[in-house]
Amino acid sequence: MRPDRPLITGVACLATGIGLIIRYCQGTTSMNAAYPFTGSTLHIDLTTSGAGVVGGLALIVLGILLLAWAVLAGFVSQIMLLVGRDDSMETIFRRERRAAFEEDQGYSGSLGLTEDKHTG
């Protein structure tokens, strides 16, 4: 399981859903900064109506589900790497030297490196 595609799609869905909600909103925002930080306030009033509400919420929910799937896929892929791990590369690829040309061509000293998949 690869977590990269659900992660990218989940982030894109979240961004699009939030963008739709913000695009179709009518509201006000105010901020008041004061020295005693207890007097500082931030007031955000968003009201979204129309198709932006349904589409935005659907995309946000889809994005959250895809991000949860990506986290699960990331955990599973890391566990599979730990369980099915083989530290020695020699068991994955068998390396041997073969002559690059035939013996009758006069290049018997030339060697090439080939890789074959390990079959056993």
C-alpha atoms as a PDB file:
ATOM      1  CA  MET A   1       0.000   0.000   0.000  1.00  0.00           C
ATOM      2  CA  ARG A   2       1.393   3.348  -1.004  1.00  0.00           C
ATOM      3  CA  PRO A   3       0.237   6.372   0.996  1.00  0.00           C
ATOM      4  CA  ASP A   4       1.327   9.039  -1.496  1.00  0.00           C
ATOM      5  CA  ARG A   5      -1.729   9.124  -3.769  1.00  0.00           C
ATOM      6  CA  PRO A   6      -4.388   9.213  -1.023  1.00  0.00           C
ATOM      7  CA  LEU A   7      -2.337  11.867   0.782  1.00  0.00           C
ATOM      8  CA  ILE A   8      -2.129  14.141  -2.266  1.00  0.00           C
ATOM      9  CA  THR A   9      -5.807  13.626  -3.113  1.00  0.00           C
ATOM     10  CA  GLY A  10      -6.857  14.198   0.506  1.00  0.00           C
ATOM     11  CA  VAL A  11      -4.950  17.478   0.754  1.00  0.00           C
ATOM     12  CA  ALA A  12      -6.386  18.615  -2.592  1.00  0.00           C
ATOM     13  CA  CYS A  13      -9.945  17.771  -1.463  1.00  0.00           C
ATOM     14  CA  LEU A  14      -9.486  19.594   1.842  1.00  0.00           C
ATOM     15  CA  ALA A  15      -8.084  22.685   0.145  1.00  0.00           C
ATOM     16  CA  THR A  16     -10.864  22.711  -2.454  1.00  0.00           C
ATOM     17  CA  GLY A  17     -13.581  22.217   0.180  1.00  0.00           C
ATOM     18  CA  ILE A  18     -12.267  25.001   2.391  1.00  0.00           C
ATOM     19  CA  GLY A  19     -11.845  27.198  -0.683  1.00  0.00           C
ATOM     20  CA  LEU A  20     -15.470  26.620  -1.707  1.00  0.00           C
ATOM     21  CA  ILE A  21     -16.756  27.479   1.755  1.00  0.00           C
ATOM     22  CA  ILE A  22     -14.653  30.640   1.943  1.00  0.00           C
ATOM     23  CA  ARG A  23     -15.468  31.634  -1.654  1.00  0.00           C
ATOM     24  CA  TYR A  24     -19.229  31.598  -1.087  1.00  0.00           C
ATOM     25  CA  CYS A  25     -19.219  33.082   2.423  1.00  0.00           C
ATOM     26  CA  GLN A  26     -20.630  36.387   3.534  1.00  0.00           C
ATOM     27  CA  GLY A  27     -19.316  37.570   6.822  1.00  0.00           C
ATOM     28  CA  THR A  28     -17.135  39.872   8.794  1.00  0.00           C
ATOM     29  CA  THR A  29     -13.830  39.542  10.555  1.00  0.00           C
ATOM     30  CA  SER A  30     -12.455  41.778  13.254  1.00  0.00           C
ATOM     31  CA  MET A  31      -9.332  41.730  15.362  1.00  0.00           C
ATOM     32  CA  ASN A  32      -8.451  43.785  18.393  1.00  0.00           C
ATOM     33  CA  ALA A  33      -4.872  43.679  19.713  1.00  0.00           C
ATOM     34  CA  ALA A  34      -4.183  45.045  23.180  1.00  0.00           C
ATOM     35  CA  TYR A  35      -1.176  45.008  25.498  1.00  0.00           C
ATOM     36  CA  PRO A  36      -2.621  42.902  28.218  1.00  0.00           C
ATOM     37  CA  PHE A  37      -3.050  39.937  25.940  1.00  0.00           C
ATOM     38  CA  THR A  38      -6.214  38.958  27.768  1.00  0.00           C
ATOM     39  CA  GLY A  39      -7.871  41.974  26.119  1.00  0.00           C
ATOM     40  CA  SER A  40      -6.976  40.860  22.567  1.00  0.00           C
ATOM     41  CA  THR A  41      -9.832  39.413  20.549  1.00  0.00           C
ATOM     42  CA  LEU A  42     -10.361  37.820  17.162  1.00  0.00           C
ATOM     43  CA  HIS A  43     -13.911  37.571  15.872  1.00  0.00           C
ATOM     44  CA  ILE A  44     -14.700  35.631  12.684  1.00  0.00           C
ATOM     45  CA  ASP A  45     -18.279  35.478  11.449  1.00  0.00           C
ATOM     46  CA  LEU A  46     -18.729  33.261   8.390  1.00  0.00           C
ATOM     47  CA  THR A  47     -22.046  32.482   6.764  1.00  0.00           C
ATOM     48  CA  THR A  48     -22.023  30.338   3.654  1.00  0.00           C
ATOM     49  CA  SER A  49     -25.121  29.597   1.624  1.00  0.00           C
ATOM     50  CA  GLY A  50     -25.910  27.770  -1.579  1.00  0.00           C
ATOM     51  CA  ALA A  51     -24.021  25.025  -3.343  1.00  0.00           C
ATOM     52  CA  GLY A  52     -20.765  25.975  -1.622  1.00  0.00           C
ATOM     53  CA  VAL A  53     -22.039  24.502   1.640  1.00  0.00           C
ATOM     54  CA  VAL A  54     -22.899  21.065   0.276  1.00  0.00           C
ATOM     55  CA  GLY A  55     -19.912  20.803  -2.059  1.00  0.00           C
ATOM     56  CA  GLY A  56     -17.471  22.223   0.446  1.00  0.00           C
ATOM     57  CA  LEU A  57     -18.557  19.945   3.284  1.00  0.00           C
ATOM     58  CA  ALA A  58     -18.581  16.892   1.004  1.00  0.00           C
ATOM     59  CA  LEU A  59     -15.038  17.635  -0.164  1.00  0.00           C
ATOM     60  CA  ILE A  60     -13.841  18.277   3.399  1.00  0.00           C
ATOM     61  CA  VAL A  61     -15.289  14.957   4.595  1.00  0.00           C
ATOM     62  CA  LEU A  62     -13.769  13.147   1.594  1.00  0.00           C
ATOM     63  CA  GLY A  63     -10.415  14.809   2.271  1.00  0.00           C
ATOM     64  CA  ILE A  64     -10.474  13.779   5.944  1.00  0.00           C
ATOM     65  CA  LEU A  65     -11.304  10.183   4.991  1.00  0.00           C
ATOM     66  CA  LEU A  66      -8.506  10.095   2.411  1.00  0.00           C
ATOM     67  CA  LEU A  67      -6.023  11.512   4.924  1.00  0.00           C
ATOM     68  CA  ALA A  68      -7.043   8.853   7.441  1.00  0.00           C
ATOM     69  CA  TRP A  69      -6.582   6.235   4.719  1.00  0.00           C
ATOM     70  CA  ALA A  70      -3.135   7.649   3.903  1.00  0.00           C
ATOM     71  CA  VAL A  71      -2.081   7.454   7.559  1.00  0.00           C
ATOM     72  CA  LEU A  72      -3.291   3.849   7.762  1.00  0.00           C
ATOM     73  CA  ALA A  73      -1.535   2.988   4.486  1.00  0.00           C
ATOM     74  CA  GLY A  74       1.650   4.621   5.763  1.00  0.00           C
ATOM     75  CA  PHE A  75       1.591   2.530   8.939  1.00  0.00           C
ATOM     76  CA  VAL A  76       0.895  -0.664   6.995  1.00  0.00           C
ATOM     77  CA  SER A  77       3.649   0.020   4.455  1.00  0.00           C
ATOM     78  CA  GLN A  78       6.180   0.688   7.226  1.00  0.00           C
ATOM     79  CA  ILE A  79       5.185  -2.494   9.048  1.00  0.00           C
ATOM     80  CA  MET A  80       5.461  -4.469   5.815  1.00  0.00           C
ATOM     81  CA  LEU A  81       8.947  -3.060   5.281  1.00  0.00           C
ATOM     82  CA  LEU A  82       9.939  -4.218   8.764  1.00  0.00           C
ATOM     83  CA  VAL A  83       8.397  -7.674   8.445  1.00  0.00           C
ATOM     84  CA  GLY A  84       9.451  -8.496   4.905  1.00  0.00           C
ATOM     85  CA  ARG A  85      12.862  -6.879   5.099  1.00  0.00           C
ATOM     86  CA  ASP A  86      15.964  -8.591   3.750  1.00  0.00           C
ATOM     87  CA  ASP A  87      19.099  -6.656   4.619  1.00  0.00           C
ATOM     88  CA  SER A  88      21.525  -8.234   2.191  1.00  0.00           C
ATOM     89  CA  MET A  89      21.286  -6.931  -1.369  1.00  0.00           C
ATOM     90  CA  GLU A  90      23.155 -10.006  -2.638  1.00  0.00           C
ATOM     91  CA  THR A  91      20.101 -12.142  -2.041  1.00  0.00           C
ATOM     92  CA  ILE A  92      17.938  -9.834  -4.152  1.00  0.00           C
ATOM     93  CA  PHE A  93      20.262  -9.490  -7.149  1.00  0.00           C
ATOM     94  CA  ARG A  94      22.762 -12.104  -8.237  1.00  0.00           C
ATOM     95  CA  ARG A  95      25.807 -10.502  -9.845  1.00  0.00           C
ATOM     96  CA  GLU A  96      28.160 -12.364 -12.080  1.00  0.00           C
ATOM     97  CA  ARG A  97      30.675 -11.445 -14.719  1.00  0.00           C
ATOM     98  CA  ARG A  98      30.156 -12.623 -18.267  1.00  0.00           C
ATOM     99  CA  ALA A  99      32.179 -12.013 -21.376  1.00  0.00           C
ATOM    100  CA  ALA A 100      30.847  -9.021 -23.264  1.00  0.00           C
ATOM    101  CA  PHE A 101      31.754 -10.514 -26.650  1.00  0.00           C
ATOM    102  CA  GLU A 102      32.121 -14.012 -27.996  1.00  0.00           C
ATOM    103  CA  GLU A 103      35.489 -15.726 -27.780  1.00  0.00           C
ATOM    104  CA  ASP A 104      35.991 -15.845 -31.548  1.00  0.00           C
ATOM    105  CA  GLN A 105      35.865 -12.057 -31.915  1.00  0.00           C
ATOM    106  CA  GLY A 106      39.144 -11.556 -30.118  1.00  0.00           C
ATOM    107  CA  TYR A 107      37.816  -9.571 -27.160  1.00  0.00           C
ATOM    108  CA  SER A 108      38.082 -12.243 -24.522  1.00  0.00           C
ATOM    109  CA  GLY A 109      39.426  -9.794 -21.934  1.00  0.00           C
ATOM    110  CA  SER A 110      36.330  -7.527 -21.976  1.00  0.00           C
ATOM    111  CA  LEU A 111      33.889  -8.195 -19.182  1.00  0.00           C
ATOM    112  CA  GLY A 112      30.406  -6.819 -18.592  1.00  0.00           C
ATOM    113  CA  LEU A 113      28.331  -6.723 -15.415  1.00  0.00           C
ATOM    114  CA  THR A 114      24.823  -8.157 -15.671  1.00  0.00           C
ATOM    115  CA  GLU A 115      22.053  -8.325 -13.098  1.00  0.00           C
ATOM    116  CA  ASP A 116      19.614 -11.220 -12.874  1.00  0.00           C
ATOM    117  CA  LYS A 117      16.723 -11.480 -10.456  1.00  0.00           C
ATOM    118  CA  HIS A 118      17.254 -14.035  -7.732  1.00  0.00           C
ATOM    119  CA  THR A 119      14.957 -16.998  -8.287  1.00  0.00           C
ATOM    120  CA  GLY A 120      15.369 -18.873  -5.085  1.00  0.00           C
END
